[in-house]
N, C-alpha and C. Protein backbone atom coordinates (compact mmCIF):
# COMPACT_ATOMS: atom_id res chain seq x y z
N MET A 1 147.29 77.20 38.26
CA MET A 1 147.28 78.02 39.38
C MET A 1 148.42 78.27 40.15
N GLU A 2 149.28 77.39 40.08
CA GLU A 2 150.67 77.62 40.94
C GLU A 2 151.40 78.87 40.20
N GLN A 3 151.10 78.99 38.96
CA GLN A 3 151.65 80.22 38.38
C GLN A 3 151.36 81.62 39.02
N LEU A 4 150.12 81.72 39.65
CA LEU A 4 149.83 82.99 40.36
C LEU A 4 150.08 82.93 41.69
N ALA A 5 150.92 82.03 42.38
CA ALA A 5 151.26 81.98 43.80
C ALA A 5 152.20 83.22 44.15
N TYR A 6 153.24 83.47 43.25
CA TYR A 6 154.09 84.53 43.55
C TYR A 6 153.22 86.07 43.46
N LEU A 7 152.34 86.10 42.50
CA LEU A 7 151.38 87.22 42.53
C LEU A 7 150.68 87.34 43.71
N ALA A 8 150.14 86.06 44.16
CA ALA A 8 149.22 86.08 45.39
C ALA A 8 150.01 86.62 46.54
N VAL A 9 151.26 86.02 46.85
CA VAL A 9 152.03 86.62 47.92
C VAL A 9 152.40 88.29 47.84
N LEU A 10 152.58 88.65 46.63
CA LEU A 10 152.67 90.13 46.54
C LEU A 10 151.40 90.89 46.80
N ALA A 11 150.40 90.25 46.44
CA ALA A 11 149.10 91.00 46.58
C ALA A 11 148.72 90.93 48.32
N ALA A 12 149.09 89.94 48.79
CA ALA A 12 149.02 89.82 50.22
C ALA A 12 149.80 90.85 50.99
N ILE A 13 151.10 90.92 50.52
CA ILE A 13 151.95 91.97 51.18
C ILE A 13 151.52 93.37 50.86
N ALA A 14 151.06 93.63 49.71
CA ALA A 14 150.49 94.97 49.42
C ALA A 14 149.17 95.25 50.19
N LEU A 15 148.22 94.42 50.25
CA LEU A 15 147.15 94.60 51.04
C LEU A 15 147.28 94.66 52.39
N GLY A 16 148.39 93.85 53.02
CA GLY A 16 148.62 94.03 54.31
C GLY A 16 149.34 95.31 54.81
N SER A 17 149.59 96.16 53.90
CA SER A 17 150.35 97.41 54.32
C SER A 17 149.80 98.66 53.69
N ILE A 18 148.91 98.52 52.63
CA ILE A 18 148.27 99.78 51.94
C ILE A 18 147.32 100.44 52.90
N TRP A 19 146.66 99.60 53.71
CA TRP A 19 145.67 100.44 54.68
C TRP A 19 146.49 101.38 55.50
N LEU A 20 147.63 101.18 55.72
CA LEU A 20 148.30 102.14 56.71
C LEU A 20 148.22 103.74 56.00
N GLU A 21 148.42 103.59 54.56
CA GLU A 21 148.19 104.94 54.05
C GLU A 21 147.02 105.76 54.43
N VAL A 22 145.85 104.83 54.60
CA VAL A 22 144.58 105.55 54.70
C VAL A 22 144.27 105.69 56.24
N VAL A 23 144.51 104.61 57.09
CA VAL A 23 144.20 104.69 58.31
C VAL A 23 145.14 105.53 59.37
N VAL A 24 146.50 105.18 59.11
CA VAL A 24 147.40 105.92 59.83
C VAL A 24 147.78 107.49 59.13
N ARG A 25 147.43 107.49 57.94
CA ARG A 25 147.79 108.70 57.15
C ARG A 25 149.22 108.87 56.98
N THR A 26 149.99 107.79 56.42
CA THR A 26 151.24 107.87 56.31
C THR A 26 151.79 108.84 55.24
N ARG A 27 150.98 109.30 54.19
CA ARG A 27 151.13 110.09 53.11
C ARG A 27 152.35 109.66 52.22
N VAL A 28 152.62 108.42 52.28
CA VAL A 28 153.67 108.04 51.39
C VAL A 28 153.39 108.34 49.83
N LEU A 29 152.21 108.02 49.40
CA LEU A 29 151.70 108.06 48.11
C LEU A 29 151.61 109.69 47.72
N LEU A 30 151.48 110.59 48.71
CA LEU A 30 151.37 111.98 48.53
C LEU A 30 153.08 112.77 48.17
N ARG A 31 153.73 111.84 48.61
CA ARG A 31 155.24 112.46 48.51
C ARG A 31 155.91 111.46 47.43
N THR A 32 155.44 111.81 46.29
CA THR A 32 155.87 110.92 45.10
C THR A 32 157.29 110.99 44.84
N ARG A 33 158.02 112.06 44.85
CA ARG A 33 159.42 112.27 44.45
C ARG A 33 160.14 111.37 45.59
N ARG A 34 159.73 111.42 46.92
CA ARG A 34 160.44 110.79 47.88
C ARG A 34 160.25 109.35 47.52
N LEU A 35 159.23 108.78 47.23
CA LEU A 35 158.89 107.48 47.14
C LEU A 35 159.75 106.93 45.77
N VAL A 36 159.79 107.90 44.69
CA VAL A 36 160.25 107.24 43.46
C VAL A 36 161.90 107.19 43.84
N LEU A 37 162.30 108.15 44.59
CA LEU A 37 163.88 108.26 44.85
C LEU A 37 164.32 107.02 45.86
N SER A 38 163.30 106.52 46.34
CA SER A 38 163.49 105.50 47.38
C SER A 38 163.45 104.06 46.59
N LEU A 39 162.59 104.09 45.61
CA LEU A 39 162.36 102.67 44.94
C LEU A 39 163.34 102.56 43.78
N ALA A 40 163.66 103.63 43.13
CA ALA A 40 164.51 103.58 41.94
C ALA A 40 165.84 102.74 42.22
N PRO A 41 166.62 103.14 43.14
CA PRO A 41 167.80 102.41 43.30
C PRO A 41 167.78 101.07 43.51
N VAL A 42 166.78 100.62 44.25
CA VAL A 42 166.40 99.18 44.63
C VAL A 42 166.02 98.50 43.28
N LEU A 43 165.28 99.25 42.18
CA LEU A 43 164.80 98.62 41.03
C LEU A 43 166.02 98.32 40.21
N VAL A 44 166.71 99.26 40.06
CA VAL A 44 168.05 99.33 39.09
C VAL A 44 168.98 98.30 39.50
N VAL A 45 169.44 98.29 40.73
CA VAL A 45 170.60 97.45 41.41
C VAL A 45 170.12 96.10 41.19
N PHE A 46 168.86 95.71 41.89
CA PHE A 46 168.46 94.23 41.77
C PHE A 46 167.92 93.67 40.54
N LEU A 47 167.51 94.66 39.90
CA LEU A 47 167.11 94.06 38.34
C LEU A 47 168.38 93.71 37.52
N LEU A 48 169.29 94.60 37.73
CA LEU A 48 170.67 94.21 37.03
C LEU A 48 171.23 92.89 37.53
N TRP A 49 171.28 92.98 38.88
CA TRP A 49 171.84 91.85 39.64
C TRP A 49 171.09 90.53 39.31
N ASP A 50 169.76 90.45 39.12
CA ASP A 50 168.81 89.48 38.71
C ASP A 50 169.45 89.06 37.17
N ALA A 51 169.44 90.09 36.29
CA ALA A 51 169.73 89.76 34.91
C ALA A 51 170.97 89.18 34.93
N TYR A 52 172.09 89.64 35.59
CA TYR A 52 173.45 89.00 35.51
C TYR A 52 173.20 87.51 36.09
N ALA A 53 172.68 87.29 37.14
CA ALA A 53 172.56 86.06 37.67
C ALA A 53 171.77 84.97 37.06
N ILE A 54 170.75 85.39 36.38
CA ILE A 54 170.10 84.63 35.36
C ILE A 54 170.97 84.15 34.15
N ASP A 55 171.60 85.24 33.58
CA ASP A 55 172.52 85.00 32.36
C ASP A 55 173.70 84.11 32.78
N ALA A 56 174.36 84.14 33.89
CA ALA A 56 175.39 83.31 34.36
C ALA A 56 174.97 82.08 34.88
N GLY A 57 173.60 81.82 35.07
CA GLY A 57 173.24 80.57 35.44
C GLY A 57 173.17 80.20 36.84
N HIS A 58 173.40 81.29 37.50
CA HIS A 58 173.41 81.18 39.11
C HIS A 58 172.00 81.34 39.63
N TRP A 59 171.07 81.93 38.85
CA TRP A 59 169.73 81.98 39.51
C TRP A 59 168.71 81.74 38.40
N THR A 60 167.72 80.86 38.83
CA THR A 60 166.61 80.61 37.97
C THR A 60 165.29 80.80 38.60
N PHE A 61 164.22 80.78 37.95
CA PHE A 61 162.72 80.85 38.19
C PHE A 61 162.14 79.75 37.75
N ASP A 62 161.37 79.10 38.78
CA ASP A 62 160.77 77.80 38.25
C ASP A 62 159.56 78.34 37.39
N PRO A 63 159.36 77.72 36.01
CA PRO A 63 158.42 78.21 35.06
C PRO A 63 157.14 77.86 35.48
N GLU A 64 157.02 77.02 36.40
CA GLU A 64 155.65 76.28 36.81
C GLU A 64 155.16 77.44 37.93
N LYS A 65 156.07 78.11 38.43
CA LYS A 65 155.56 78.94 39.70
C LYS A 65 155.27 80.48 39.08
N VAL A 66 155.70 80.94 38.15
CA VAL A 66 155.69 82.22 37.41
C VAL A 66 155.00 82.21 36.19
N THR A 67 154.46 83.53 35.61
CA THR A 67 153.52 83.86 34.66
C THR A 67 154.72 83.67 33.51
N LYS A 68 154.32 83.68 32.36
CA LYS A 68 155.07 83.60 31.11
C LYS A 68 155.73 85.12 30.88
N LEU A 69 155.25 86.18 31.52
CA LEU A 69 155.83 87.45 31.09
C LEU A 69 156.86 87.79 31.78
N GLU A 70 157.98 88.12 30.80
CA GLU A 70 159.30 88.22 31.18
C GLU A 70 159.72 89.61 30.77
N LEU A 71 160.71 90.16 31.54
CA LEU A 71 161.33 91.33 31.12
C LEU A 71 162.59 91.13 30.38
N PRO A 72 163.30 92.04 29.70
CA PRO A 72 164.53 91.79 28.97
C PRO A 72 165.58 90.87 30.04
N GLY A 73 166.30 90.10 29.73
CA GLY A 73 167.14 89.38 30.50
C GLY A 73 166.44 88.16 31.22
N GLY A 74 165.29 87.87 30.86
CA GLY A 74 164.70 86.70 31.34
C GLY A 74 164.18 86.83 32.67
N ILE A 75 164.10 88.12 33.31
CA ILE A 75 163.35 88.17 34.61
C ILE A 75 161.80 88.43 34.46
N PRO A 76 161.31 87.46 35.32
CA PRO A 76 159.80 87.45 35.28
C PRO A 76 159.31 88.91 35.82
N VAL A 77 158.03 89.14 35.34
CA VAL A 77 157.52 90.30 35.75
C VAL A 77 157.14 90.32 37.36
N GLU A 78 157.00 89.02 37.92
CA GLU A 78 156.78 89.11 39.20
C GLU A 78 158.04 89.63 40.03
N GLU A 79 159.22 89.37 39.42
CA GLU A 79 160.24 89.72 40.12
C GLU A 79 160.37 91.39 40.31
N LEU A 80 160.07 91.91 39.10
CA LEU A 80 160.15 93.37 39.03
C LEU A 80 158.97 93.84 40.26
N LEU A 81 157.89 93.07 40.19
CA LEU A 81 156.64 93.65 41.15
C LEU A 81 157.33 93.41 42.60
N PHE A 82 158.10 92.33 42.90
CA PHE A 82 158.74 92.12 44.17
C PHE A 82 159.40 93.35 44.58
N PHE A 83 160.44 93.89 43.60
CA PHE A 83 161.25 94.92 43.94
C PHE A 83 160.39 96.19 44.06
N VAL A 84 159.18 96.35 43.84
CA VAL A 84 158.27 97.60 43.99
C VAL A 84 157.56 97.09 45.19
N VAL A 85 156.83 96.22 45.32
CA VAL A 85 155.77 95.86 46.57
C VAL A 85 156.66 95.79 47.72
N VAL A 86 157.65 95.13 47.86
CA VAL A 86 158.32 94.80 49.16
C VAL A 86 158.91 96.11 49.82
N PRO A 87 159.62 96.62 49.08
CA PRO A 87 160.13 98.07 49.47
C PRO A 87 159.04 99.18 49.69
N PHE A 88 157.94 99.11 49.01
CA PHE A 88 156.98 99.97 49.12
C PHE A 88 156.19 99.58 50.53
N ALA A 89 155.85 98.41 50.69
CA ALA A 89 155.38 97.95 52.02
C ALA A 89 156.33 98.34 53.29
N SER A 90 157.48 98.20 53.05
CA SER A 90 158.41 98.43 54.19
C SER A 90 158.47 100.04 54.48
N ILE A 91 158.43 100.74 53.53
CA ILE A 91 158.18 102.18 53.61
C ILE A 91 157.03 102.55 54.23
N LEU A 92 155.81 101.99 53.75
CA LEU A 92 154.58 102.31 54.37
C LEU A 92 154.73 101.97 55.88
N THR A 93 155.23 100.88 56.21
CA THR A 93 155.21 100.48 57.56
C THR A 93 156.13 101.33 58.51
N LEU A 94 157.41 101.60 57.92
CA LEU A 94 158.32 102.51 58.71
C LEU A 94 157.60 103.97 58.78
N GLU A 95 156.98 104.60 57.92
CA GLU A 95 156.19 105.72 57.97
C GLU A 95 155.02 105.70 58.99
N ALA A 96 154.39 104.46 59.01
CA ALA A 96 153.32 104.31 59.99
C ALA A 96 153.72 104.23 61.40
N VAL A 97 154.90 103.68 61.56
CA VAL A 97 155.50 103.68 63.02
C VAL A 97 155.95 105.09 63.36
N ARG A 98 156.46 105.84 62.44
CA ARG A 98 156.98 107.07 62.53
C ARG A 98 155.66 108.06 62.93
N ALA A 99 154.77 107.92 62.22
CA ALA A 99 153.55 108.64 62.50
C ALA A 99 152.93 108.40 63.76
N VAL A 100 152.93 107.25 64.18
CA VAL A 100 152.14 107.13 65.23
C VAL A 100 153.23 107.40 66.54
N ARG A 101 154.41 107.34 66.41
CA ARG A 101 155.32 107.63 67.56
C ARG A 101 155.57 109.05 67.50
N GLY A 102 155.23 109.78 66.46
CA GLY A 102 155.51 111.28 66.44
C GLY A 102 157.02 111.56 65.97
N TRP A 103 157.57 110.64 65.35
CA TRP A 103 159.11 111.11 65.00
C TRP A 103 158.96 111.83 63.74
N PRO A 104 159.91 112.73 63.72
CA PRO A 104 159.88 113.63 62.53
C PRO A 104 160.46 112.90 61.41
N VAL A 105 160.06 113.38 60.21
CA VAL A 105 160.37 112.78 58.93
C VAL A 105 161.76 113.05 58.61
N GLY A 106 162.18 114.15 58.65
CA GLY A 106 163.42 114.73 58.45
C GLY A 106 163.69 115.93 57.41
N ASP A 107 162.34 116.05 57.03
CA ASP A 107 162.22 117.36 55.83
C ASP A 107 161.41 118.41 56.54
N GLU A 108 160.88 118.38 57.76
CA GLU A 108 160.14 119.45 58.27
C GLU A 108 161.00 120.47 58.52
N PRO A 109 160.50 121.67 58.62
CA PRO A 109 161.25 123.02 58.84
C PRO A 109 161.54 123.02 60.26
N THR A 110 162.80 123.16 60.75
CA THR A 110 163.28 123.31 62.16
C THR A 110 162.77 124.71 62.77
N ASP A 111 162.86 124.84 63.82
CA ASP A 111 162.44 126.13 64.69
C ASP A 111 163.42 127.26 64.00
N ALA A 112 164.64 126.91 63.85
CA ALA A 112 165.71 127.71 63.41
C ALA A 112 165.33 128.19 62.08
N GLY A 113 164.95 127.16 61.29
CA GLY A 113 164.43 127.49 59.76
C GLY A 113 163.31 128.47 59.67
N ARG A 114 162.23 128.40 60.58
CA ARG A 114 161.22 129.13 60.71
C ARG A 114 161.71 130.67 61.09
N ASP A 115 162.49 130.81 61.90
CA ASP A 115 162.92 132.03 62.47
C ASP A 115 163.67 132.79 61.44
N ALA A 116 164.45 132.01 60.68
CA ALA A 116 165.22 132.57 59.46
C ALA A 116 164.48 133.31 58.41
N ARG A 117 163.19 132.79 58.31
CA ARG A 117 162.44 133.31 57.17
C ARG A 117 161.92 134.65 57.39
């Protein structure tokens, strides 16, 4: 059962923030390109970093705390999910605060942009 602890924490993080998409209407999932462009650098950089650290012996994962599913480089699948779930939850939270506060996203047309059309 301890092997599911990491996944349980990730599920709690996801459940703790996914409601914002519906209730606050953050529209994060509707802006797929923006989401992918936000998550991709995190995935690439940190998965490469993890693979290097594991190979060099600087970083390990307790086999009793993770499932046996691994990516190349010995990276547990839970680690991949961590690099998706935590940034996604952060983006949802930021977008929820932005939506509630009425802060612009940054890609809305400006008044000058509307006049130019």
